[in-house]
Amino acid sequence: MVAVVVLLAAAAVFTFVAGRDIRGAARQRANLAITEEEMPRVRAVLDADPRFREVRSFAYTPQDGGLGLTGSVETDDDLFRLMKAVAALKLRVPVIWWVGVLPPSP
């Protein structure tokens, strides 16, 4: 009887964990597909302003997928303007930011 209970508990845990992984993989695939659809709009924002010339967009795969931005801008104001422009797009996926402000020239 104890063996049956242990087997049922193990099966329940396996089903829960495997199901969560399958749902996570499906969510990641869906987010990455949406990211590819949204990418031209983001690139248009980056291309429209020379202050954003060192910023690149990419499909971000961890954490269920999304859109990543990496690079640098020259001032805090540039970063603010970039963040505002991207927010105005109302993207349907999370945005992961790795954009820094360059230190001032000596």
N, C-alpha and C. Protein backbone atom coordinates (compact mmCIF):
# COMPACT_ATOMS: atom_id res chain seq x y z
N MET A 1 0.83 -1.19 0.00
CA MET A 1 0.00 0.00 0.00
C MET A 1 0.87 1.26 0.00
N VAL A 2 1.92 1.26 0.81
CA VAL A 2 2.82 2.41 0.88
C VAL A 2 3.48 2.63 -0.48
N ALA A 3 3.86 1.56 -1.16
CA ALA A 3 4.50 1.67 -2.47
C ALA A 3 3.56 2.32 -3.48
N VAL A 4 2.28 2.00 -3.41
CA VAL A 4 1.30 2.58 -4.32
C VAL A 4 1.16 4.08 -4.07
N VAL A 5 1.12 4.47 -2.81
CA VAL A 5 1.01 5.89 -2.46
C VAL A 5 2.25 6.65 -2.93
N VAL A 6 3.42 6.07 -2.71
CA VAL A 6 4.66 6.71 -3.15
C VAL A 6 4.69 6.84 -4.67
N LEU A 7 4.29 5.79 -5.39
CA LEU A 7 4.23 5.85 -6.84
C LEU A 7 3.25 6.90 -7.34
N LEU A 8 2.09 6.99 -6.73
CA LEU A 8 1.11 7.99 -7.13
C LEU A 8 1.62 9.41 -6.86
N ALA A 9 2.29 9.60 -5.72
CA ALA A 9 2.84 10.92 -5.40
C ALA A 9 3.94 11.28 -6.39
N ALA A 10 4.80 10.33 -6.71
CA ALA A 10 5.87 10.58 -7.67
C ALA A 10 5.29 10.91 -9.05
N ALA A 11 4.27 10.20 -9.45
CA ALA A 11 3.63 10.45 -10.75
C ALA A 11 2.99 11.84 -10.78
N ALA A 12 2.37 12.24 -9.67
CA ALA A 12 1.75 13.56 -9.60
C ALA A 12 2.80 14.66 -9.70
N VAL A 13 3.90 14.51 -8.99
CA VAL A 13 4.97 15.51 -9.04
C VAL A 13 5.56 15.57 -10.44
N PHE A 14 5.82 14.43 -11.05
CA PHE A 14 6.36 14.41 -12.40
C PHE A 14 5.42 15.10 -13.39
N THR A 15 4.13 14.79 -13.29
CA THR A 15 3.14 15.38 -14.19
C THR A 15 3.11 16.90 -14.01
N PHE A 16 3.16 17.36 -12.76
CA PHE A 16 3.14 18.80 -12.49
C PHE A 16 4.38 19.48 -13.07
N VAL A 17 5.56 18.92 -12.81
CA VAL A 17 6.81 19.52 -13.30
C VAL A 17 6.89 19.47 -14.82
N ALA A 18 6.58 18.32 -15.40
CA ALA A 18 6.64 18.19 -16.86
C ALA A 18 5.62 19.10 -17.53
N GLY A 19 4.44 19.18 -16.97
CA GLY A 19 3.41 20.06 -17.53
C GLY A 19 3.83 21.51 -17.48
N ARG A 20 4.46 21.91 -16.38
CA ARG A 20 4.93 23.29 -16.25
C ARG A 20 6.01 23.58 -17.29
N ASP A 21 6.92 22.64 -17.51
CA ASP A 21 7.97 22.83 -18.51
C ASP A 21 7.39 22.91 -19.91
N ILE A 22 6.39 22.10 -20.21
CA ILE A 22 5.76 22.13 -21.53
C ILE A 22 5.05 23.45 -21.74
N ARG A 23 4.31 23.91 -20.72
CA ARG A 23 3.63 25.20 -20.84
C ARG A 23 4.64 26.33 -20.98
N GLY A 24 5.75 26.26 -20.25
CA GLY A 24 6.79 27.29 -20.35
C GLY A 24 7.41 27.32 -21.74
N ALA A 25 7.67 26.15 -22.32
CA ALA A 25 8.24 26.09 -23.67
C ALA A 25 7.26 26.64 -24.70
N ALA A 26 5.98 26.34 -24.52
CA ALA A 26 4.97 26.87 -25.44
C ALA A 26 4.89 28.39 -25.32
N ARG A 27 4.94 28.90 -24.10
CA ARG A 27 4.89 30.35 -23.88
C ARG A 27 6.12 31.01 -24.50
N GLN A 28 7.29 30.37 -24.35
CA GLN A 28 8.50 30.92 -24.93
C GLN A 28 8.40 30.96 -26.46
N ARG A 29 7.94 29.88 -27.08
CA ARG A 29 7.78 29.86 -28.54
C ARG A 29 6.82 30.95 -29.00
N ALA A 30 5.72 31.11 -28.28
CA ALA A 30 4.74 32.14 -28.65
C ALA A 30 5.36 33.54 -28.51
N ASN A 31 6.06 33.79 -27.41
CA ASN A 31 6.68 35.10 -27.21
C ASN A 31 7.74 35.39 -28.26
N LEU A 32 8.51 34.38 -28.63
CA LEU A 32 9.55 34.60 -29.64
C LEU A 32 8.93 34.87 -31.02
N ALA A 33 7.82 34.22 -31.32
CA ALA A 33 7.13 34.49 -32.59
C ALA A 33 6.61 35.93 -32.60
N ILE A 34 6.03 36.37 -31.50
CA ILE A 34 5.55 37.74 -31.40
C ILE A 34 6.72 38.72 -31.48
N THR A 35 7.84 38.37 -30.85
CA THR A 35 9.03 39.23 -30.91
C THR A 35 9.47 39.45 -32.34
N GLU A 36 9.47 38.40 -33.14
CA GLU A 36 9.86 38.53 -34.55
C GLU A 36 8.89 39.45 -35.30
N GLU A 37 7.61 39.39 -34.95
CA GLU A 37 6.64 40.28 -35.58
C GLU A 37 6.86 41.74 -35.17
N GLU A 38 7.23 41.95 -33.92
CA GLU A 38 7.41 43.30 -33.39
C GLU A 38 8.76 43.92 -33.76
N MET A 39 9.73 43.10 -34.10
CA MET A 39 11.10 43.56 -34.33
C MET A 39 11.20 44.70 -35.36
N PRO A 40 10.50 44.66 -36.49
CA PRO A 40 10.64 45.78 -37.44
C PRO A 40 10.24 47.13 -36.85
N ARG A 41 9.22 47.14 -36.00
CA ARG A 41 8.82 48.40 -35.36
C ARG A 41 9.90 48.92 -34.43
N VAL A 42 10.53 48.01 -33.69
CA VAL A 42 11.59 48.42 -32.77
C VAL A 42 12.80 48.91 -33.56
N ARG A 43 13.15 48.18 -34.60
CA ARG A 43 14.30 48.61 -35.42
C ARG A 43 14.04 49.96 -36.07
N ALA A 44 12.80 50.23 -36.44
CA ALA A 44 12.47 51.53 -37.02
C ALA A 44 12.72 52.66 -36.01
N VAL A 45 12.38 52.42 -34.75
CA VAL A 45 12.65 53.41 -33.69
C VAL A 45 14.15 53.62 -33.55
N LEU A 46 14.91 52.52 -33.54
CA LEU A 46 16.37 52.63 -33.39
C LEU A 46 16.99 53.34 -34.59
N ASP A 47 16.52 53.05 -35.78
CA ASP A 47 17.08 53.64 -36.99
C ASP A 47 16.68 55.11 -37.17
N ALA A 48 15.58 55.51 -36.56
CA ALA A 48 15.06 56.87 -36.76
C ALA A 48 15.86 57.94 -36.01
N ASP A 49 16.62 57.54 -35.02
CA ASP A 49 17.32 58.53 -34.20
C ASP A 49 18.80 58.17 -34.11
N PRO A 50 19.68 59.04 -34.57
CA PRO A 50 21.11 58.72 -34.54
C PRO A 50 21.67 58.52 -33.12
N ARG A 51 20.96 59.01 -32.12
CA ARG A 51 21.42 58.81 -30.73
C ARG A 51 21.34 57.33 -30.33
N PHE A 52 20.57 56.54 -31.07
CA PHE A 52 20.38 55.13 -30.74
C PHE A 52 21.20 54.21 -31.64
N ARG A 53 22.17 54.76 -32.35
CA ARG A 53 22.93 53.98 -33.35
C ARG A 53 23.72 52.82 -32.74
N GLU A 54 24.03 52.89 -31.46
CA GLU A 54 24.80 51.82 -30.81
C GLU A 54 23.91 50.83 -30.05
N VAL A 55 22.62 50.90 -30.29
CA VAL A 55 21.68 50.00 -29.62
C VAL A 55 21.18 48.97 -30.63
N ARG A 56 21.16 47.72 -30.20
CA ARG A 56 20.72 46.61 -31.06
C ARG A 56 19.55 45.88 -30.39
N SER A 57 18.66 45.38 -31.22
CA SER A 57 17.54 44.57 -30.71
C SER A 57 17.78 43.11 -31.07
N PHE A 58 17.24 42.23 -30.25
CA PHE A 58 17.40 40.80 -30.49
C PHE A 58 16.30 40.03 -29.78
N ALA A 59 16.09 38.80 -30.20
CA ALA A 59 15.14 37.92 -29.52
C ALA A 59 15.81 37.37 -28.28
N TYR A 60 15.20 37.59 -27.14
CA TYR A 60 15.74 37.17 -25.85
C TYR A 60 15.05 35.86 -25.47
N THR A 61 15.82 34.79 -25.30
CA THR A 61 15.19 33.50 -25.07
C THR A 61 14.95 33.13 -23.61
N PRO A 62 15.76 33.55 -22.63
CA PRO A 62 15.44 33.17 -21.25
C PRO A 62 14.13 33.80 -20.76
N GLN A 63 13.66 33.34 -19.63
CA GLN A 63 12.49 33.89 -18.95
C GLN A 63 11.27 33.98 -19.88
N ASP A 64 10.96 32.93 -20.56
CA ASP A 64 9.79 32.83 -21.44
C ASP A 64 9.90 33.63 -22.73
N GLY A 65 11.05 34.19 -23.02
CA GLY A 65 11.26 34.89 -24.28
C GLY A 65 10.73 36.31 -24.26
N GLY A 66 11.30 37.11 -25.13
CA GLY A 66 10.90 38.51 -25.24
C GLY A 66 11.84 39.22 -26.18
N LEU A 67 11.86 40.53 -26.07
CA LEU A 67 12.70 41.35 -26.92
C LEU A 67 13.81 41.95 -26.06
N GLY A 68 15.04 41.80 -26.52
CA GLY A 68 16.17 42.37 -25.80
C GLY A 68 16.72 43.58 -26.50
N LEU A 69 17.18 44.53 -25.72
CA LEU A 69 17.88 45.70 -26.25
C LEU A 69 19.22 45.79 -25.55
N THR A 70 20.27 45.93 -26.33
CA THR A 70 21.61 46.00 -25.77
C THR A 70 22.38 47.10 -26.47
N GLY A 71 23.33 47.67 -25.77
CA GLY A 71 24.16 48.71 -26.37
C GLY A 71 24.36 49.87 -25.42
N SER A 72 24.61 51.03 -26.01
CA SER A 72 24.87 52.21 -25.20
C SER A 72 24.37 53.47 -25.88
N VAL A 73 24.11 54.45 -25.06
CA VAL A 73 23.75 55.80 -25.51
C VAL A 73 24.67 56.77 -24.76
N GLU A 74 24.69 58.00 -25.21
CA GLU A 74 25.65 58.96 -24.64
C GLU A 74 25.19 59.63 -23.36
N THR A 75 23.87 59.84 -23.20
CA THR A 75 23.40 60.57 -22.02
C THR A 75 22.20 59.88 -21.38
N ASP A 76 21.92 60.27 -20.14
CA ASP A 76 20.73 59.77 -19.47
C ASP A 76 19.47 60.19 -20.22
N ASP A 77 19.49 61.39 -20.78
CA ASP A 77 18.35 61.87 -21.56
C ASP A 77 18.11 60.99 -22.79
N ASP A 78 19.19 60.56 -23.45
CA ASP A 78 19.05 59.66 -24.60
C ASP A 78 18.39 58.35 -24.17
N LEU A 79 18.82 57.82 -23.03
CA LEU A 79 18.24 56.57 -22.54
C LEU A 79 16.76 56.76 -22.22
N PHE A 80 16.44 57.88 -21.58
CA PHE A 80 15.04 58.18 -21.28
C PHE A 80 14.22 58.25 -22.56
N ARG A 81 14.73 58.94 -23.57
CA ARG A 81 14.00 59.08 -24.84
C ARG A 81 13.81 57.71 -25.52
N LEU A 82 14.84 56.87 -25.44
CA LEU A 82 14.74 55.53 -26.02
C LEU A 82 13.68 54.72 -25.28
N MET A 83 13.73 54.75 -23.97
CA MET A 83 12.75 53.99 -23.19
C MET A 83 11.33 54.49 -23.46
N LYS A 84 11.18 55.78 -23.59
CA LYS A 84 9.87 56.36 -23.88
C LYS A 84 9.38 55.93 -25.27
N ALA A 85 10.28 55.95 -26.26
CA ALA A 85 9.91 55.55 -27.63
C ALA A 85 9.52 54.08 -27.69
N VAL A 86 10.25 53.23 -26.98
CA VAL A 86 9.93 51.80 -26.98
C VAL A 86 8.62 51.55 -26.23
N ALA A 87 8.41 52.25 -25.12
CA ALA A 87 7.16 52.10 -24.37
C ALA A 87 5.96 52.52 -25.21
N ALA A 88 6.14 53.55 -26.05
CA ALA A 88 5.05 54.02 -26.90
C ALA A 88 4.62 52.97 -27.93
N LEU A 89 5.50 52.02 -28.22
CA LEU A 89 5.16 50.95 -29.17
C LEU A 89 4.14 49.98 -28.58
N LYS A 90 4.03 49.94 -27.25
CA LYS A 90 3.11 49.02 -26.57
C LYS A 90 3.32 47.59 -27.07
N LEU A 91 4.57 47.13 -26.97
CA LEU A 91 4.93 45.79 -27.43
C LEU A 91 4.17 44.73 -26.65
N ARG A 92 3.92 43.62 -27.31
CA ARG A 92 3.14 42.53 -26.71
C ARG A 92 4.02 41.50 -26.01
N VAL A 93 5.31 41.81 -25.86
CA VAL A 93 6.24 40.91 -25.18
C VAL A 93 7.07 41.71 -24.19
N PRO A 94 7.65 41.04 -23.21
CA PRO A 94 8.52 41.75 -22.27
C PRO A 94 9.76 42.29 -23.00
N VAL A 95 10.27 43.41 -22.50
CA VAL A 95 11.49 43.99 -23.04
C VAL A 95 12.57 43.88 -21.95
N ILE A 96 13.70 43.31 -22.33
CA ILE A 96 14.83 43.15 -21.42
C ILE A 96 15.87 44.19 -21.84
N TRP A 97 16.26 45.02 -20.90
CA TRP A 97 17.15 46.16 -21.19
C TRP A 97 18.57 45.88 -20.73
N TRP A 98 19.51 46.03 -21.64
CA TRP A 98 20.94 46.02 -21.34
C TRP A 98 21.56 47.22 -22.06
N VAL A 99 20.96 48.37 -21.87
CA VAL A 99 21.44 49.59 -22.51
C VAL A 99 22.01 50.48 -21.42
N GLY A 100 23.26 50.87 -21.61
CA GLY A 100 23.91 51.71 -20.62
C GLY A 100 24.23 53.09 -21.16
N VAL A 101 24.56 53.97 -20.25
CA VAL A 101 24.98 55.31 -20.61
C VAL A 101 26.50 55.36 -20.55
N LEU A 102 27.10 55.83 -21.63
CA LEU A 102 28.56 55.92 -21.68
C LEU A 102 29.07 56.96 -20.69
N PRO A 103 30.21 56.70 -20.07
CA PRO A 103 30.78 57.72 -19.18
C PRO A 103 31.22 58.94 -20.00
N PRO A 104 31.17 60.11 -19.39
CA PRO A 104 31.58 61.31 -20.13
C PRO A 104 33.04 61.24 -20.54
N SER A 105 33.33 61.84 -21.67
CA SER A 105 34.72 61.88 -22.16
C SER A 105 35.56 62.78 -21.25
N PRO A 106 36.83 62.40 -21.04
CA PRO A 106 37.69 63.22 -20.17
C PRO A 106 38.06 64.54 -20.80
